[in-house]
Amino acid sequence: MLRYVIYMIRTYLLMCAAAITVLCVTGFPTVGLARVSYFVNQETMYSNLGNFPKWKGVLSRYFESSDILNQPCGGTKFNPCKLREWQAFLDGMQGRGLREQVDKVNHYINKNPYILDIDNWGVNDYWATPYEFQKRSGDCEDYAIAKFMSLRALGVPNEQMRVIIVQDLNLGGIIHAVLIVFVEGQVLVLDNQSEQVKNALDIYHYKPIYSINETHWWKHVPIQ
């Protein structure tokens, strides 16, 4: 009996030592190595956006069309009345705490229906401005862009956000886009597939490929 007790104590101590080693290596508490989020990855930053013409087109068209909010309703490519609803929502969010702004923007933009680009624009992949999105809705990257620009309009700095392209491992690796926002040491994920804003480290089925904002892009490589 004494030999068994000594064996169990020795086994327990070895397990504790192994757990401490894993914690020191990864920097995160784990329940098995497989539960480390793919958002824990190695990223390399680049400043050349030349390989992203759709994103550059969104930025150009968005800032060039900023005056349409002042146009009368009807008779224009976009409906200024619909856009003014969006503007009124943003005005109501001014001065709120950042976490509340993130939650409310995610909920507001997610109310729009999901429409494939091929049905909406007649092409397989089109990146819409927030003005185009308010008029015709869109697919995953259009939600992420609308959230990005909404939070930018509320004063959130460019360097605090990125549109990030991921593989959805729950759907066989299909390409998906979400917005990430850095808030008080956390990476928050705003996703059109979720009503709740989530901490990136609690998400295990998205594998980041690259992320982008107005000035830089990042290549992501898993470390697990």
C-alpha atoms as a PDB file:
ATOM      1  CA  MET A   1       0.000   0.000   0.000  1.00  0.00           C
ATOM      2  CA  LEU A   2       2.792   2.401   0.913  1.00  0.00           C
ATOM      3  CA  ARG A   3       4.524   1.645  -2.405  1.00  0.00           C
ATOM      4  CA  TYR A   4       1.269   2.497  -4.259  1.00  0.00           C
ATOM      5  CA  VAL A   5       0.888   5.797  -2.406  1.00  0.00           C
ATOM      6  CA  ILE A   6       4.487   6.732  -3.224  1.00  0.00           C
ATOM      7  CA  TYR A   7       3.873   5.840  -6.885  1.00  0.00           C
ATOM      8  CA  MET A   8       0.747   8.030  -7.059  1.00  0.00           C
ATOM      9  CA  ILE A   9       2.515  10.962  -5.423  1.00  0.00           C
ATOM     10  CA  ARG A  10       5.438  10.630  -7.839  1.00  0.00           C
ATOM     11  CA  THR A  11       3.052  10.464 -10.828  1.00  0.00           C
ATOM     12  CA  TYR A  12       1.183  13.561  -9.646  1.00  0.00           C
ATOM     13  CA  LEU A  13       4.418  15.529  -9.236  1.00  0.00           C
ATOM     14  CA  LEU A  14       5.553  14.560 -12.732  1.00  0.00           C
ATOM     15  CA  MET A  15       2.213  15.727 -14.204  1.00  0.00           C
ATOM     16  CA  CYS A  16       2.520  19.046 -12.397  1.00  0.00           C
ATOM     17  CA  ALA A  17       6.048  19.530 -13.707  1.00  0.00           C
ATOM     18  CA  ALA A  18       4.871  18.797 -17.259  1.00  0.00           C
ATOM     19  CA  ALA A  19       2.026  21.292 -16.948  1.00  0.00           C
ATOM     20  CA  ILE A  20       4.403  23.984 -15.687  1.00  0.00           C
ATOM     21  CA  THR A  21       6.728  23.309 -18.631  1.00  0.00           C
ATOM     22  CA  VAL A  22       3.870  23.722 -21.121  1.00  0.00           C
ATOM     23  CA  LEU A  23       2.790  26.964 -19.473  1.00  0.00           C
ATOM     24  CA  CYS A  24       6.322  28.380 -19.652  1.00  0.00           C
ATOM     25  CA  VAL A  25       6.690  27.467 -23.327  1.00  0.00           C
ATOM     26  CA  THR A  26       3.312  28.731 -24.590  1.00  0.00           C
ATOM     27  CA  GLY A  27       2.595  31.531 -22.146  1.00  0.00           C
ATOM     28  CA  PHE A  28      -1.049  30.358 -21.944  1.00  0.00           C
ATOM     29  CA  PRO A  29      -2.799  27.915 -19.603  1.00  0.00           C
ATOM     30  CA  THR A  30      -3.864  24.863 -21.590  1.00  0.00           C
ATOM     31  CA  VAL A  31      -6.069  21.827 -21.376  1.00  0.00           C
ATOM     32  CA  GLY A  32      -4.054  19.794 -23.843  1.00  0.00           C
ATOM     33  CA  LEU A  33      -1.966  21.444 -26.551  1.00  0.00           C
ATOM     34  CA  ALA A  34      -4.774  21.177 -29.109  1.00  0.00           C
ATOM     35  CA  ARG A  35      -6.803  23.817 -27.258  1.00  0.00           C
ATOM     36  CA  VAL A  36      -4.430  26.686 -28.026  1.00  0.00           C
ATOM     37  CA  SER A  37      -6.185  29.191 -30.282  1.00  0.00           C
ATOM     38  CA  TYR A  38      -4.833  29.726 -33.804  1.00  0.00           C
ATOM     39  CA  PHE A  39      -4.899  33.421 -32.955  1.00  0.00           C
ATOM     40  CA  VAL A  40      -1.709  32.646 -31.041  1.00  0.00           C
ATOM     41  CA  ASN A  41       0.551  32.859 -34.084  1.00  0.00           C
ATOM     42  CA  GLN A  42       3.620  34.423 -35.606  1.00  0.00           C
ATOM     43  CA  GLU A  43       2.882  37.525 -37.651  1.00  0.00           C
ATOM     44  CA  THR A  44       5.058  39.609 -39.966  1.00  0.00           C
ATOM     45  CA  MET A  45       4.122  43.213 -40.723  1.00  0.00           C
ATOM     46  CA  TYR A  46       4.397  44.834 -44.173  1.00  0.00           C
ATOM     47  CA  SER A  47       3.644  48.392 -45.283  1.00  0.00           C
ATOM     48  CA  ASN A  48       3.075  47.808 -49.010  1.00  0.00           C
ATOM     49  CA  LEU A  49      -0.657  47.468 -49.746  1.00  0.00           C
ATOM     50  CA  GLY A  50      -0.122  47.084 -53.491  1.00  0.00           C
ATOM     51  CA  ASN A  51      -1.164  43.428 -53.470  1.00  0.00           C
ATOM     52  CA  PHE A  52      -4.608  44.302 -52.097  1.00  0.00           C
ATOM     53  CA  PRO A  53      -6.411  46.263 -54.840  1.00  0.00           C
ATOM     54  CA  LYS A  54      -9.895  45.457 -53.498  1.00  0.00           C
ATOM     55  CA  TRP A  55      -9.021  46.884 -50.085  1.00  0.00           C
ATOM     56  CA  LYS A  56      -7.356  49.940 -51.610  1.00  0.00           C
ATOM     57  CA  GLY A  57     -10.439  50.402 -53.796  1.00  0.00           C
ATOM     58  CA  VAL A  58     -12.682  50.346 -50.736  1.00  0.00           C
ATOM     59  CA  LEU A  59     -10.610  53.014 -49.006  1.00  0.00           C
ATOM     60  CA  SER A  60     -10.526  55.223 -52.098  1.00  0.00           C
ATOM     61  CA  ARG A  61     -14.256  54.959 -52.886  1.00  0.00           C
ATOM     62  CA  TYR A  62     -15.256  55.408 -49.254  1.00  0.00           C
ATOM     63  CA  PHE A  63     -13.376  58.654 -48.663  1.00  0.00           C
ATOM     64  CA  GLU A  64     -14.244  60.031 -52.110  1.00  0.00           C
ATOM     65  CA  SER A  65     -17.977  59.489 -51.446  1.00  0.00           C
ATOM     66  CA  SER A  66     -18.116  60.977 -47.962  1.00  0.00           C
ATOM     67  CA  ASP A  67     -20.257  63.926 -49.130  1.00  0.00           C
ATOM     68  CA  ILE A  68     -23.263  61.791 -50.109  1.00  0.00           C
ATOM     69  CA  LEU A  69     -24.632  61.963 -46.555  1.00  0.00           C
ATOM     70  CA  ASN A  70     -25.520  65.585 -47.276  1.00  0.00           C
ATOM     71  CA  GLN A  71     -27.472  64.870 -50.463  1.00  0.00           C
ATOM     72  CA  PRO A  72     -31.304  64.805 -50.588  1.00  0.00           C
ATOM     73  CA  CYS A  73     -33.120  61.459 -50.415  1.00  0.00           C
ATOM     74  CA  GLY A  74     -33.727  59.656 -53.699  1.00  0.00           C
ATOM     75  CA  GLY A  75     -32.224  60.083 -57.124  1.00  0.00           C
ATOM     76  CA  THR A  76     -28.705  58.959 -56.198  1.00  0.00           C
ATOM     77  CA  LYS A  77     -26.792  55.709 -56.454  1.00  0.00           C
ATOM     78  CA  PHE A  78     -27.004  55.302 -52.674  1.00  0.00           C
ATOM     79  CA  ASN A  79     -29.925  56.177 -50.451  1.00  0.00           C
ATOM     80  CA  PRO A  80     -28.805  59.071 -48.222  1.00  0.00           C
ATOM     81  CA  CYS A  81     -31.770  58.447 -45.890  1.00  0.00           C
ATOM     82  CA  LYS A  82     -30.535  54.925 -45.166  1.00  0.00           C
ATOM     83  CA  LEU A  83     -27.033  56.271 -44.709  1.00  0.00           C
ATOM     84  CA  ARG A  84     -28.291  58.929 -42.326  1.00  0.00           C
ATOM     85  CA  GLU A  85     -29.785  56.176 -40.153  1.00  0.00           C
ATOM     86  CA  TRP A  86     -26.278  54.758 -39.903  1.00  0.00           C
ATOM     87  CA  GLN A  87     -24.897  58.224 -39.166  1.00  0.00           C
ATOM     88  CA  ALA A  88     -27.528  58.763 -36.443  1.00  0.00           C
ATOM     89  CA  PHE A  89     -26.538  55.453 -34.863  1.00  0.00           C
ATOM     90  CA  LEU A  90     -22.877  56.516 -34.865  1.00  0.00           C
ATOM     91  CA  ASP A  91     -23.766  59.914 -33.407  1.00  0.00           C
ATOM     92  CA  GLY A  92     -25.533  58.118 -30.565  1.00  0.00           C
ATOM     93  CA  MET A  93     -22.413  56.072 -29.861  1.00  0.00           C
ATOM     94  CA  GLN A  94     -20.111  59.082 -29.534  1.00  0.00           C
ATOM     95  CA  GLY A  95     -18.575  59.359 -26.077  1.00  0.00           C
ATOM     96  CA  ARG A  96     -19.468  55.813 -25.022  1.00  0.00           C
ATOM     97  CA  GLY A  97     -16.846  53.423 -23.688  1.00  0.00           C
ATOM     98  CA  LEU A  98     -14.874  51.519 -26.315  1.00  0.00           C
ATOM     99  CA  ARG A  99     -16.151  48.092 -25.289  1.00  0.00           C
ATOM    100  CA  GLU A 100     -19.761  49.314 -25.511  1.00  0.00           C
ATOM    101  CA  GLN A 101     -19.066  50.844 -28.930  1.00  0.00           C
ATOM    102  CA  VAL A 102     -17.558  47.559 -30.144  1.00  0.00           C
ATOM    103  CA  ASP A 103     -20.550  45.535 -28.931  1.00  0.00           C
ATOM    104  CA  LYS A 104     -23.152  47.927 -30.338  1.00  0.00           C
ATOM    105  CA  VAL A 105     -21.417  48.307 -33.729  1.00  0.00           C
ATOM    106  CA  ASN A 106     -21.180  44.529 -34.062  1.00  0.00           C
ATOM    107  CA  HIS A 107     -24.899  44.160 -33.307  1.00  0.00           C
ATOM    108  CA  TYR A 108     -25.973  47.052 -35.566  1.00  0.00           C
ATOM    109  CA  ILE A 109     -24.034  45.898 -38.632  1.00  0.00           C
ATOM    110  CA  ASN A 110     -25.005  42.248 -38.118  1.00  0.00           C
ATOM    111  CA  LYS A 111     -28.692  43.163 -38.556  1.00  0.00           C
ATOM    112  CA  ASN A 112     -28.108  43.436 -42.308  1.00  0.00           C
ATOM    113  CA  PRO A 113     -28.890  40.304 -44.351  1.00  0.00           C
ATOM    114  CA  TYR A 114     -26.054  38.187 -45.739  1.00  0.00           C
ATOM    115  CA  ILE A 115     -25.910  38.275 -49.559  1.00  0.00           C
ATOM    116  CA  LEU A 116     -23.321  36.548 -51.735  1.00  0.00           C
ATOM    117  CA  ASP A 117     -21.253  38.766 -54.034  1.00  0.00           C
ATOM    118  CA  ILE A 118     -22.309  36.773 -57.103  1.00  0.00           C
ATOM    119  CA  ASP A 119     -25.957  37.589 -56.346  1.00  0.00           C
ATOM    120  CA  ASN A 120     -25.278  41.148 -55.248  1.00  0.00           C
ATOM    121  CA  TRP A 121     -22.686  42.310 -57.773  1.00  0.00           C
ATOM    122  CA  GLY A 122     -22.451  39.561 -60.392  1.00  0.00           C
ATOM    123  CA  VAL A 123     -18.844  38.721 -59.454  1.00  0.00           C
ATOM    124  CA  ASN A 124     -17.350  36.154 -57.098  1.00  0.00           C
ATOM    125  CA  ASP A 125     -15.542  38.608 -54.841  1.00  0.00           C
ATOM    126  CA  TYR A 126     -16.374  42.285 -54.343  1.00  0.00           C
ATOM    127  CA  TRP A 127     -15.319  44.397 -51.361  1.00  0.00           C
ATOM    128  CA  ALA A 128     -18.015  46.985 -50.622  1.00  0.00           C
ATOM    129  CA  THR A 129     -17.713  50.339 -48.909  1.00  0.00           C
ATOM    130  CA  PRO A 130     -19.964  50.996 -45.899  1.00  0.00           C
ATOM    131  CA  TYR A 131     -22.130  53.142 -48.206  1.00  0.00           C
ATOM    132  CA  GLU A 132     -22.580  50.249 -50.630  1.00  0.00           C
ATOM    133  CA  PHE A 133     -23.161  47.866 -47.727  1.00  0.00           C
ATOM    134  CA  GLN A 134     -25.913  50.063 -46.246  1.00  0.00           C
ATOM    135  CA  LYS A 135     -27.619  50.105 -49.639  1.00  0.00           C
ATOM    136  CA  ARG A 136     -27.220  46.465 -50.729  1.00  0.00           C
ATOM    137  CA  SER A 137     -25.795  44.571 -47.736  1.00  0.00           C
ATOM    138  CA  GLY A 138     -23.055  42.018 -48.498  1.00  0.00           C
ATOM    139  CA  ASP A 139     -20.976  39.064 -47.370  1.00  0.00           C
ATOM    140  CA  CYS A 140     -18.412  38.464 -44.627  1.00  0.00           C
ATOM    141  CA  GLU A 141     -15.691  40.962 -45.576  1.00  0.00           C
ATOM    142  CA  ASP A 142     -18.332  43.652 -46.171  1.00  0.00           C
ATOM    143  CA  TYR A 143     -19.570  43.263 -42.583  1.00  0.00           C
ATOM    144  CA  ALA A 144     -15.981  43.503 -41.329  1.00  0.00           C
ATOM    145  CA  ILE A 145     -15.282  46.611 -43.435  1.00  0.00           C
ATOM    146  CA  ALA A 146     -18.489  48.326 -42.299  1.00  0.00           C
ATOM    147  CA  LYS A 147     -17.561  47.647 -38.664  1.00  0.00           C
ATOM    148  CA  PHE A 148     -14.005  48.889 -39.230  1.00  0.00           C
ATOM    149  CA  MET A 149     -15.202  52.167 -40.750  1.00  0.00           C
ATOM    150  CA  SER A 150     -17.942  52.584 -38.150  1.00  0.00           C
ATOM    151  CA  LEU A 151     -15.429  52.363 -35.327  1.00  0.00           C
ATOM    152  CA  ARG A 152     -13.007  54.628 -37.210  1.00  0.00           C
ATOM    153  CA  ALA A 153     -15.823  57.192 -37.426  1.00  0.00           C
ATOM    154  CA  LEU A 154     -16.178  56.878 -33.645  1.00  0.00           C
ATOM    155  CA  GLY A 155     -12.518  57.738 -33.214  1.00  0.00           C
ATOM    156  CA  VAL A 156     -10.951  54.312 -32.765  1.00  0.00           C
ATOM    157  CA  PRO A 157      -7.384  54.528 -34.142  1.00  0.00           C
ATOM    158  CA  ASN A 158      -6.470  52.657 -37.312  1.00  0.00           C
ATOM    159  CA  GLU A 159      -3.635  50.824 -35.539  1.00  0.00           C
ATOM    160  CA  GLN A 160      -6.088  49.389 -33.008  1.00  0.00           C
ATOM    161  CA  MET A 161      -8.052  47.422 -35.632  1.00  0.00           C
ATOM    162  CA  ARG A 162      -7.619  45.029 -38.528  1.00  0.00           C
ATOM    163  CA  VAL A 163      -9.808  43.214 -41.004  1.00  0.00           C
ATOM    164  CA  ILE A 164      -8.511  39.659 -40.774  1.00  0.00           C
ATOM    165  CA  ILE A 165      -8.927  36.866 -43.310  1.00  0.00           C
ATOM    166  CA  VAL A 166      -9.171  33.398 -41.777  1.00  0.00           C
ATOM    167  CA  GLN A 167      -9.903  29.802 -42.651  1.00  0.00           C
ATOM    168  CA  ASP A 168     -13.049  28.489 -40.967  1.00  0.00           C
ATOM    169  CA  LEU A 169     -11.994  24.980 -39.938  1.00  0.00           C
ATOM    170  CA  ASN A 170     -15.566  24.112 -38.933  1.00  0.00           C
ATOM    171  CA  LEU A 171     -16.547  24.537 -42.591  1.00  0.00           C
ATOM    172  CA  GLY A 172     -13.704  22.645 -44.226  1.00  0.00           C
ATOM    173  CA  GLY A 173     -11.293  25.597 -44.319  1.00  0.00           C
ATOM    174  CA  ILE A 174     -13.542  27.976 -46.253  1.00  0.00           C
ATOM    175  CA  ILE A 175     -12.257  31.566 -46.361  1.00  0.00           C
ATOM    176  CA  HIS A 176     -13.966  33.980 -43.973  1.00  0.00           C
ATOM    177  CA  ALA A 177     -13.381  37.573 -42.810  1.00  0.00           C
ATOM    178  CA  VAL A 178     -13.883  39.188 -39.408  1.00  0.00           C
ATOM    179  CA  LEU A 179     -12.766  42.346 -37.645  1.00  0.00           C
ATOM    180  CA  ILE A 180     -10.369  42.306 -34.704  1.00  0.00           C
ATOM    181  CA  VAL A 181     -10.080  45.184 -32.236  1.00  0.00           C
ATOM    182  CA  PHE A 182      -7.410  45.489 -29.558  1.00  0.00           C
ATOM    183  CA  VAL A 183      -9.078  46.530 -26.302  1.00  0.00           C
ATOM    184  CA  GLU A 184      -7.299  46.630 -22.929  1.00  0.00           C
ATOM    185  CA  GLY A 185      -4.884  43.833 -23.711  1.00  0.00           C
ATOM    186  CA  GLN A 186      -7.494  41.630 -25.378  1.00  0.00           C
ATOM    187  CA  VAL A 187      -8.035  40.824 -29.041  1.00  0.00           C
ATOM    188  CA  LEU A 188     -11.783  41.067 -29.648  1.00  0.00           C
ATOM    189  CA  VAL A 189     -13.404  39.420 -32.674  1.00  0.00           C
ATOM    190  CA  LEU A 190     -16.427  41.000 -34.377  1.00  0.00           C
ATOM    191  CA  ASP A 191     -17.991  38.319 -36.555  1.00  0.00           C
ATOM    192  CA  ASN A 192     -21.138  38.382 -38.694  1.00  0.00           C
ATOM    193  CA  GLN A 193     -21.664  34.748 -37.637  1.00  0.00           C
ATOM    194  CA  SER A 194     -21.882  35.671 -33.949  1.00  0.00           C
ATOM    195  CA  GLU A 195     -24.046  38.148 -32.097  1.00  0.00           C
ATOM    196  CA  GLN A 196     -21.518  38.167 -29.267  1.00  0.00           C
ATOM    197  CA  VAL A 197     -18.112  39.824 -29.481  1.00  0.00           C
ATOM    198  CA  LYS A 198     -15.577  37.184 -28.427  1.00  0.00           C
ATOM    199  CA  ASN A 199     -12.032  37.085 -27.141  1.00  0.00           C
ATOM    200  CA  ALA A 200      -9.844  35.701 -29.937  1.00  0.00           C
ATOM    201  CA  LEU A 201      -8.136  33.285 -27.532  1.00  0.00           C
ATOM    202  CA  ASP A 202     -11.505  31.594 -26.940  1.00  0.00           C
ATOM    203  CA  ILE A 203     -11.904  30.809 -30.657  1.00  0.00           C
ATOM    204  CA  TYR A 204     -10.336  27.588 -31.930  1.00  0.00           C
ATOM    205  CA  HIS A 205     -11.817  27.079 -35.402  1.00  0.00           C
ATOM    206  CA  TYR A 206     -10.443  30.157 -37.185  1.00  0.00           C
ATOM    207  CA  LYS A 207      -6.906  30.031 -38.610  1.00  0.00           C
ATOM    208  CA  PRO A 208      -5.664  33.551 -39.535  1.00  0.00           C
ATOM    209  CA  ILE A 209      -4.067  33.984 -42.974  1.00  0.00           C
ATOM    210  CA  TYR A 210      -3.519  37.728 -43.182  1.00  0.00           C
ATOM    211  CA  SER A 211      -4.877  40.925 -41.644  1.00  0.00           C
ATOM    212  CA  ILE A 212      -4.960  44.494 -42.896  1.00  0.00           C
ATOM    213  CA  ASN A 213      -5.757  48.085 -41.940  1.00  0.00           C
ATOM    214  CA  GLU A 214      -5.342  51.436 -43.651  1.00  0.00           C
ATOM    215  CA  THR A 215      -1.556  51.468 -43.537  1.00  0.00           C
ATOM    216  CA  HIS A 216      -0.194  47.928 -43.046  1.00  0.00           C
ATOM    217  CA  TRP A 217      -0.856  44.241 -43.543  1.00  0.00           C
ATOM    218  CA  TRP A 218       0.294  41.210 -41.580  1.00  0.00           C
ATOM    219  CA  LYS A 219       1.044  37.653 -42.654  1.00  0.00           C
ATOM    220  CA  HIS A 220       0.052  35.085 -40.015  1.00  0.00           C
ATOM    221  CA  VAL A 221       1.774  31.737 -39.505  1.00  0.00           C
ATOM    222  CA  PRO A 222       0.512  29.248 -36.871  1.00  0.00           C
ATOM    223  CA  ILE A 223       3.021  28.293 -34.193  1.00  0.00           C
ATOM    224  CA  GLN A 224       1.261  25.136 -33.053  1.00  0.00           C
END
